[in-house]
Amino acid sequence: IRQVATTVLLNQIGCFVPATRATLGIFDGVYTRMGASDDIHRGMSTFFVEVSEAAEALQRCTARSLVIMDELGRGTSTFDGLAIAWATLQHLVKSAGCLSLFVTHYQSLCCMEQTLDGAVKNFHMSFQETSKTVNGRPT
């Protein structure tokens, strides 16, 4: 996920990008909401930090921005988290109109591919373990 943001930044400054072929426009900002952490010494729970970061990205992004949201809504209950993720994705598509990478574990969001007129595309990533070694050593 971070590689997408890094590639956009490299492209912006005219550097080589790690791709066989890439067509990227000009972005006015890259906004991310990733990871899970609290800021207890400032009185901010994990959920508060998550929602604050998402809100800042939503306030600042434009149609020329890249927004990356990773597992938004995990810091709260399932239904509240789903509602937050759903509303955020809907805002990114309908209001902001920006290029977004929205990573989620909420399978209910998959239907947005049909309900948002093709503006959302679902992708699934999985992996297959091929050996039981790490750096050549058995695990």
N, C-alpha and C. Protein backbone atom coordinates (compact mmCIF):
# COMPACT_ATOMS: atom_id res chain seq x y z
N ILE A 1 0.83 -1.18 0.00
CA ILE A 1 0.00 0.00 0.00
C ILE A 1 0.87 1.25 0.00
N ARG A 2 1.89 1.24 0.84
CA ARG A 2 2.78 2.41 0.90
C ARG A 2 3.53 2.62 -0.40
N GLN A 3 3.74 1.53 -1.14
CA GLN A 3 4.46 1.64 -2.40
C GLN A 3 3.70 2.50 -3.40
N VAL A 4 2.38 2.49 -3.34
CA VAL A 4 1.58 3.33 -4.24
C VAL A 4 1.89 4.80 -3.97
N ALA A 5 1.87 5.20 -2.71
CA ALA A 5 2.17 6.59 -2.35
C ALA A 5 3.60 6.94 -2.72
N THR A 6 4.53 6.04 -2.46
CA THR A 6 5.93 6.29 -2.81
C THR A 6 6.11 6.46 -4.31
N THR A 7 5.44 5.64 -5.09
CA THR A 7 5.52 5.74 -6.55
C THR A 7 4.99 7.08 -7.04
N VAL A 8 3.88 7.52 -6.49
CA VAL A 8 3.32 8.83 -6.86
C VAL A 8 4.31 9.94 -6.52
N LEU A 9 4.90 9.89 -5.33
CA LEU A 9 5.86 10.92 -4.95
C LEU A 9 7.10 10.91 -5.85
N LEU A 10 7.61 9.72 -6.16
CA LEU A 10 8.76 9.63 -7.07
C LEU A 10 8.43 10.23 -8.43
N ASN A 11 7.24 9.92 -8.93
CA ASN A 11 6.80 10.45 -10.22
C ASN A 11 6.71 11.98 -10.18
N GLN A 12 6.21 12.52 -9.08
CA GLN A 12 6.04 13.96 -8.95
C GLN A 12 7.36 14.71 -9.07
N ILE A 13 8.44 14.10 -8.58
CA ILE A 13 9.73 14.79 -8.62
C ILE A 13 10.58 14.35 -9.81
N GLY A 14 9.98 13.57 -10.71
CA GLY A 14 10.66 13.20 -11.95
C GLY A 14 11.61 12.04 -11.85
N CYS A 15 11.48 11.23 -10.82
CA CYS A 15 12.36 10.09 -10.64
C CYS A 15 11.82 8.85 -11.33
N PHE A 16 12.68 7.87 -11.46
CA PHE A 16 12.29 6.55 -11.95
C PHE A 16 11.23 5.97 -11.03
N VAL A 17 10.22 5.34 -11.62
CA VAL A 17 9.22 4.63 -10.82
C VAL A 17 9.35 3.14 -11.11
N PRO A 18 9.20 2.30 -10.09
CA PRO A 18 9.38 0.85 -10.27
C PRO A 18 8.19 0.21 -10.98
N ALA A 19 8.12 0.43 -12.28
CA ALA A 19 7.03 -0.12 -13.07
C ALA A 19 7.48 -0.31 -14.50
N THR A 20 6.94 -1.30 -15.18
CA THR A 20 7.22 -1.48 -16.59
C THR A 20 6.65 -0.32 -17.38
N ARG A 21 5.46 0.14 -16.96
CA ARG A 21 4.80 1.25 -17.62
C ARG A 21 3.93 1.97 -16.59
N ALA A 22 3.93 3.28 -16.60
CA ALA A 22 3.09 4.05 -15.68
C ALA A 22 2.65 5.35 -16.33
N THR A 23 1.38 5.65 -16.20
CA THR A 23 0.84 6.92 -16.64
C THR A 23 0.21 7.57 -15.43
N LEU A 24 0.89 8.55 -14.88
CA LEU A 24 0.41 9.22 -13.67
C LEU A 24 0.29 10.71 -13.95
N GLY A 25 -0.77 11.29 -13.45
CA GLY A 25 -0.96 12.73 -13.60
C GLY A 25 -0.27 13.50 -12.49
N ILE A 26 -0.63 14.75 -12.39
CA ILE A 26 -0.09 15.61 -11.34
C ILE A 26 -1.05 15.54 -10.15
N PHE A 27 -0.52 15.29 -8.97
CA PHE A 27 -1.32 15.22 -7.75
C PHE A 27 -1.03 16.44 -6.89
N ASP A 28 -2.07 16.97 -6.26
CA ASP A 28 -1.86 18.12 -5.37
C ASP A 28 -1.64 17.70 -3.93
N GLY A 29 -1.78 16.42 -3.64
CA GLY A 29 -1.54 15.93 -2.29
C GLY A 29 -1.70 14.44 -2.21
N VAL A 30 -1.01 13.86 -1.24
CA VAL A 30 -1.14 12.44 -0.93
C VAL A 30 -1.53 12.37 0.54
N TYR A 31 -2.70 11.79 0.81
CA TYR A 31 -3.23 11.73 2.17
C TYR A 31 -3.42 10.27 2.55
N THR A 32 -2.96 9.91 3.73
CA THR A 32 -3.05 8.52 4.15
C THR A 32 -3.64 8.40 5.55
N ARG A 33 -4.27 7.27 5.78
CA ARG A 33 -4.74 6.87 7.11
C ARG A 33 -4.37 5.40 7.22
N MET A 34 -3.26 5.14 7.89
CA MET A 34 -2.74 3.79 7.97
C MET A 34 -2.28 3.48 9.39
N GLY A 35 -2.33 2.21 9.74
CA GLY A 35 -1.81 1.77 11.02
C GLY A 35 -2.77 2.00 12.16
N ALA A 36 -2.44 1.47 13.29
CA ALA A 36 -3.26 1.61 14.49
C ALA A 36 -2.36 2.00 15.65
N SER A 37 -2.63 3.16 16.18
CA SER A 37 -1.85 3.60 17.35
C SER A 37 -2.68 4.60 18.13
N ASP A 38 -2.35 4.73 19.38
CA ASP A 38 -3.03 5.73 20.20
C ASP A 38 -2.05 6.85 20.51
N ASP A 39 -2.54 7.85 21.16
CA ASP A 39 -1.72 8.97 21.59
C ASP A 39 -2.20 9.32 23.00
N ILE A 40 -2.01 8.35 23.91
CA ILE A 40 -2.56 8.44 25.25
C ILE A 40 -2.08 9.67 26.00
N HIS A 41 -0.82 10.05 25.83
CA HIS A 41 -0.32 11.23 26.56
C HIS A 41 -1.05 12.51 26.14
N ARG A 42 -1.73 12.49 25.00
CA ARG A 42 -2.57 13.62 24.57
C ARG A 42 -4.05 13.29 24.73
N GLY A 43 -4.36 12.16 25.38
CA GLY A 43 -5.74 11.78 25.63
C GLY A 43 -6.49 11.28 24.41
N MET A 44 -5.76 10.70 23.44
CA MET A 44 -6.38 10.24 22.20
C MET A 44 -6.31 8.72 22.09
N SER A 45 -7.47 8.07 22.05
CA SER A 45 -7.54 6.62 21.90
C SER A 45 -7.19 6.24 20.46
N THR A 46 -7.03 4.96 20.22
CA THR A 46 -6.76 4.46 18.88
C THR A 46 -7.87 4.91 17.92
N PHE A 47 -9.11 4.76 18.37
CA PHE A 47 -10.24 5.16 17.53
C PHE A 47 -10.21 6.65 17.25
N PHE A 48 -9.91 7.47 18.25
CA PHE A 48 -9.88 8.92 18.06
C PHE A 48 -8.80 9.31 17.06
N VAL A 49 -7.63 8.70 17.16
CA VAL A 49 -6.54 8.98 16.22
C VAL A 49 -6.95 8.59 14.81
N GLU A 50 -7.55 7.41 14.68
CA GLU A 50 -7.98 6.90 13.37
C GLU A 50 -8.98 7.85 12.72
N VAL A 51 -10.00 8.25 13.45
CA VAL A 51 -11.03 9.12 12.91
C VAL A 51 -10.49 10.52 12.63
N SER A 52 -9.60 11.01 13.47
CA SER A 52 -9.00 12.34 13.25
C SER A 52 -8.17 12.36 11.97
N GLU A 53 -7.37 11.31 11.76
CA GLU A 53 -6.55 11.24 10.54
C GLU A 53 -7.44 11.14 9.30
N ALA A 54 -8.49 10.35 9.38
CA ALA A 54 -9.41 10.22 8.25
C ALA A 54 -10.11 11.54 7.97
N ALA A 55 -10.55 12.22 9.02
CA ALA A 55 -11.24 13.50 8.85
C ALA A 55 -10.33 14.53 8.19
N GLU A 56 -9.07 14.56 8.61
CA GLU A 56 -8.14 15.52 8.00
C GLU A 56 -7.95 15.23 6.52
N ALA A 57 -7.81 13.96 6.17
CA ALA A 57 -7.66 13.59 4.75
C ALA A 57 -8.89 13.99 3.96
N LEU A 58 -10.08 13.75 4.52
CA LEU A 58 -11.32 14.08 3.82
C LEU A 58 -11.50 15.59 3.66
N GLN A 59 -11.05 16.36 4.62
CA GLN A 59 -11.16 17.82 4.54
C GLN A 59 -10.21 18.42 3.52
N ARG A 60 -9.04 17.83 3.38
CA ARG A 60 -8.00 18.41 2.53
C ARG A 60 -7.99 17.90 1.09
N CYS A 61 -8.52 16.70 0.85
CA CYS A 61 -8.38 16.11 -0.48
C CYS A 61 -9.23 16.84 -1.52
N THR A 62 -8.72 16.81 -2.75
CA THR A 62 -9.43 17.38 -3.89
C THR A 62 -9.51 16.31 -4.97
N ALA A 63 -10.09 16.65 -6.09
CA ALA A 63 -10.19 15.72 -7.21
C ALA A 63 -8.79 15.36 -7.75
N ARG A 64 -7.77 16.11 -7.41
CA ARG A 64 -6.41 15.86 -7.90
C ARG A 64 -5.52 15.22 -6.83
N SER A 65 -6.13 14.65 -5.79
CA SER A 65 -5.37 14.05 -4.69
C SER A 65 -5.37 12.53 -4.79
N LEU A 66 -4.42 11.93 -4.09
CA LEU A 66 -4.40 10.49 -3.86
C LEU A 66 -4.71 10.30 -2.38
N VAL A 67 -5.72 9.49 -2.09
CA VAL A 67 -6.09 9.20 -0.71
C VAL A 67 -5.97 7.69 -0.48
N ILE A 68 -5.23 7.32 0.55
CA ILE A 68 -5.07 5.90 0.90
C ILE A 68 -5.62 5.70 2.30
N MET A 69 -6.62 4.85 2.39
CA MET A 69 -7.23 4.51 3.67
C MET A 69 -7.02 3.01 3.89
N ASP A 70 -6.40 2.67 5.00
CA ASP A 70 -6.11 1.28 5.31
C ASP A 70 -6.88 0.85 6.55
N GLU A 71 -7.82 -0.06 6.37
CA GLU A 71 -8.58 -0.65 7.48
C GLU A 71 -9.27 0.39 8.35
N LEU A 72 -9.90 1.37 7.73
CA LEU A 72 -10.64 2.37 8.46
C LEU A 72 -11.83 1.73 9.18
N GLY A 73 -12.00 2.05 10.44
CA GLY A 73 -13.12 1.54 11.22
C GLY A 73 -12.79 0.38 12.12
N ARG A 74 -11.56 -0.04 12.15
CA ARG A 74 -11.19 -1.19 12.99
C ARG A 74 -11.08 -0.83 14.46
N GLY A 75 -11.00 0.44 14.77
CA GLY A 75 -10.82 0.85 16.16
C GLY A 75 -12.11 0.92 16.95
N THR A 76 -13.20 0.42 16.39
CA THR A 76 -14.49 0.49 17.07
C THR A 76 -15.29 -0.78 16.78
N SER A 77 -16.54 -0.79 17.14
CA SER A 77 -17.38 -1.97 16.92
C SER A 77 -17.58 -2.24 15.43
N THR A 78 -17.98 -3.44 15.10
CA THR A 78 -18.14 -3.84 13.70
C THR A 78 -19.11 -2.93 12.96
N PHE A 79 -20.28 -2.71 13.52
CA PHE A 79 -21.30 -1.93 12.81
C PHE A 79 -20.92 -0.45 12.72
N ASP A 80 -20.34 0.09 13.79
CA ASP A 80 -19.89 1.49 13.73
C ASP A 80 -18.75 1.63 12.73
N GLY A 81 -17.81 0.69 12.75
CA GLY A 81 -16.68 0.72 11.83
C GLY A 81 -17.14 0.62 10.38
N LEU A 82 -18.10 -0.26 10.13
CA LEU A 82 -18.64 -0.40 8.77
C LEU A 82 -19.30 0.90 8.33
N ALA A 83 -20.06 1.52 9.21
CA ALA A 83 -20.73 2.78 8.87
C ALA A 83 -19.71 3.88 8.54
N ILE A 84 -18.64 3.94 9.33
CA ILE A 84 -17.60 4.94 9.08
C ILE A 84 -16.90 4.67 7.75
N ALA A 85 -16.54 3.41 7.51
CA ALA A 85 -15.88 3.05 6.25
C ALA A 85 -16.79 3.32 5.06
N TRP A 86 -18.05 2.94 5.17
CA TRP A 86 -19.02 3.13 4.08
C TRP A 86 -19.16 4.62 3.74
N ALA A 87 -19.38 5.44 4.75
CA ALA A 87 -19.57 6.87 4.53
C ALA A 87 -18.30 7.52 3.97
N THR A 88 -17.15 7.08 4.44
CA THR A 88 -15.89 7.64 3.96
C THR A 88 -15.67 7.30 2.49
N LEU A 89 -15.85 6.04 2.13
CA LEU A 89 -15.67 5.65 0.73
C LEU A 89 -16.67 6.37 -0.16
N GLN A 90 -17.89 6.48 0.28
CA GLN A 90 -18.91 7.18 -0.50
C GLN A 90 -18.52 8.65 -0.70
N HIS A 91 -18.00 9.29 0.33
CA HIS A 91 -17.55 10.68 0.21
C HIS A 91 -16.39 10.80 -0.78
N LEU A 92 -15.43 9.89 -0.69
CA LEU A 92 -14.28 9.95 -1.59
C LEU A 92 -14.71 9.84 -3.05
N VAL A 93 -15.71 8.99 -3.30
CA VAL A 93 -16.16 8.79 -4.68
C VAL A 93 -17.09 9.90 -5.15
N LYS A 94 -18.12 10.20 -4.36
CA LYS A 94 -19.16 11.13 -4.81
C LYS A 94 -18.79 12.60 -4.64
N SER A 95 -18.16 12.96 -3.54
CA SER A 95 -17.87 14.37 -3.28
C SER A 95 -16.47 14.78 -3.71
N ALA A 96 -15.47 14.05 -3.26
CA ALA A 96 -14.09 14.43 -3.57
C ALA A 96 -13.70 14.04 -4.99
N GLY A 97 -14.12 12.87 -5.43
CA GLY A 97 -13.78 12.41 -6.78
C GLY A 97 -12.30 12.17 -6.99
N CYS A 98 -11.59 11.87 -5.92
CA CYS A 98 -10.14 11.68 -6.02
C CYS A 98 -9.79 10.21 -6.26
N LEU A 99 -8.55 9.99 -6.65
CA LEU A 99 -8.04 8.64 -6.79
C LEU A 99 -7.81 8.10 -5.38
N SER A 100 -8.41 6.95 -5.11
CA SER A 100 -8.34 6.40 -3.75
C SER A 100 -7.97 4.94 -3.77
N LEU A 101 -7.22 4.56 -2.76
CA LEU A 101 -6.93 3.15 -2.49
C LEU A 101 -7.52 2.90 -1.11
N PHE A 102 -8.58 2.09 -1.07
CA PHE A 102 -9.34 1.89 0.16
C PHE A 102 -9.25 0.42 0.52
N VAL A 103 -8.43 0.11 1.52
CA VAL A 103 -8.21 -1.27 1.95
C VAL A 103 -9.14 -1.55 3.12
N THR A 104 -9.89 -2.66 3.03
CA THR A 104 -10.84 -2.95 4.09
C THR A 104 -11.04 -4.44 4.29
N HIS A 105 -11.50 -4.81 5.47
CA HIS A 105 -11.88 -6.18 5.76
C HIS A 105 -13.40 -6.31 5.77
N TYR A 106 -14.11 -5.21 5.55
CA TYR A 106 -15.57 -5.23 5.52
C TYR A 106 -16.06 -5.71 4.16
N GLN A 107 -16.46 -6.95 4.09
CA GLN A 107 -16.93 -7.51 2.82
C GLN A 107 -18.19 -6.83 2.32
N SER A 108 -18.95 -6.23 3.22
CA SER A 108 -20.19 -5.53 2.84
C SER A 108 -19.92 -4.37 1.89
N LEU A 109 -18.71 -3.83 1.91
CA LEU A 109 -18.39 -2.70 1.04
C LEU A 109 -18.22 -3.11 -0.42
N CYS A 110 -18.09 -4.41 -0.67
CA CYS A 110 -17.90 -4.89 -2.05
C CYS A 110 -19.06 -4.51 -2.96
N CYS A 111 -20.26 -4.38 -2.41
CA CYS A 111 -21.42 -4.04 -3.24
C CYS A 111 -21.33 -2.63 -3.78
N MET A 112 -20.46 -1.81 -3.25
CA MET A 112 -20.34 -0.44 -3.73
C MET A 112 -19.81 -0.39 -5.16
N GLU A 113 -19.21 -1.47 -5.62
CA GLU A 113 -18.77 -1.53 -7.01
C GLU A 113 -19.96 -1.38 -7.95
N GLN A 114 -21.11 -1.97 -7.58
CA GLN A 114 -22.31 -1.86 -8.39
C GLN A 114 -23.10 -0.59 -8.09
N THR A 115 -23.16 -0.18 -6.83
CA THR A 115 -24.01 0.94 -6.46
C THR A 115 -23.42 2.31 -6.77
N LEU A 116 -22.12 2.41 -7.00
CA LEU A 116 -21.49 3.70 -7.28
C LEU A 116 -21.09 3.83 -8.75
N ASP A 117 -21.89 3.29 -9.62
CA ASP A 117 -21.76 3.48 -11.07
C ASP A 117 -20.36 3.20 -11.62
N GLY A 118 -19.74 2.14 -11.15
CA GLY A 118 -18.44 1.75 -11.69
C GLY A 118 -17.27 2.59 -11.22
N ALA A 119 -17.50 3.51 -10.29
CA ALA A 119 -16.41 4.35 -9.79
C ALA A 119 -15.53 3.60 -8.80
N VAL A 120 -16.00 2.43 -8.34
CA VAL A 120 -15.27 1.60 -7.40
C VAL A 120 -14.95 0.28 -8.07
N LYS A 121 -13.75 -0.20 -7.89
CA LYS A 121 -13.34 -1.50 -8.42
C LYS A 121 -12.79 -2.33 -7.28
N ASN A 122 -13.32 -3.53 -7.12
CA ASN A 122 -12.87 -4.42 -6.05
C ASN A 122 -11.70 -5.28 -6.51
N PHE A 123 -10.72 -5.42 -5.66
CA PHE A 123 -9.60 -6.32 -5.88
C PHE A 123 -9.38 -7.12 -4.62
N HIS A 124 -8.94 -8.34 -4.77
CA HIS A 124 -8.66 -9.21 -3.64
C HIS A 124 -7.23 -9.68 -3.74
N MET A 125 -6.52 -9.66 -2.64
CA MET A 125 -5.15 -10.14 -2.62
C MET A 125 -5.04 -11.26 -1.60
N SER A 126 -4.38 -12.31 -2.00
CA SER A 126 -4.12 -13.41 -1.08
C SER A 126 -2.70 -13.90 -1.33
N PHE A 127 -2.26 -14.80 -0.49
CA PHE A 127 -0.93 -15.34 -0.68
C PHE A 127 -0.98 -16.84 -0.42
N GLN A 128 0.04 -17.50 -0.92
CA GLN A 128 0.16 -18.93 -0.72
C GLN A 128 1.55 -19.21 -0.18
N GLU A 129 1.59 -19.92 0.94
CA GLU A 129 2.86 -20.27 1.54
C GLU A 129 3.49 -21.39 0.73
N THR A 130 4.73 -21.20 0.30
CA THR A 130 5.39 -22.22 -0.53
C THR A 130 6.51 -22.94 0.21
N SER A 131 7.00 -22.35 1.30
CA SER A 131 8.02 -23.03 2.08
C SER A 131 7.94 -22.59 3.52
N LYS A 132 8.55 -23.34 4.36
CA LYS A 132 8.52 -23.03 5.79
C LYS A 132 9.87 -22.46 6.23
N THR A 133 10.40 -21.52 5.44
CA THR A 133 11.68 -20.93 5.80
C THR A 133 11.58 -19.41 5.75
N VAL A 134 12.41 -18.75 6.54
CA VAL A 134 12.58 -17.32 6.51
C VAL A 134 14.07 -17.07 6.36
N ASN A 135 14.44 -16.39 5.28
CA ASN A 135 15.86 -16.14 4.97
C ASN A 135 16.66 -17.43 4.94
N GLY A 136 16.06 -18.47 4.38
CA GLY A 136 16.76 -19.76 4.24
C GLY A 136 16.78 -20.61 5.48
N ARG A 137 16.18 -20.16 6.57
CA ARG A 137 16.18 -20.92 7.82
C ARG A 137 14.79 -21.48 8.08
N PRO A 138 14.71 -22.70 8.57
CA PRO A 138 13.40 -23.29 8.88
C PRO A 138 12.69 -22.49 9.99
N THR A 139 11.37 -22.42 9.88
CA THR A 139 10.61 -21.70 10.91
C THR A 139 9.96 -22.65 11.89
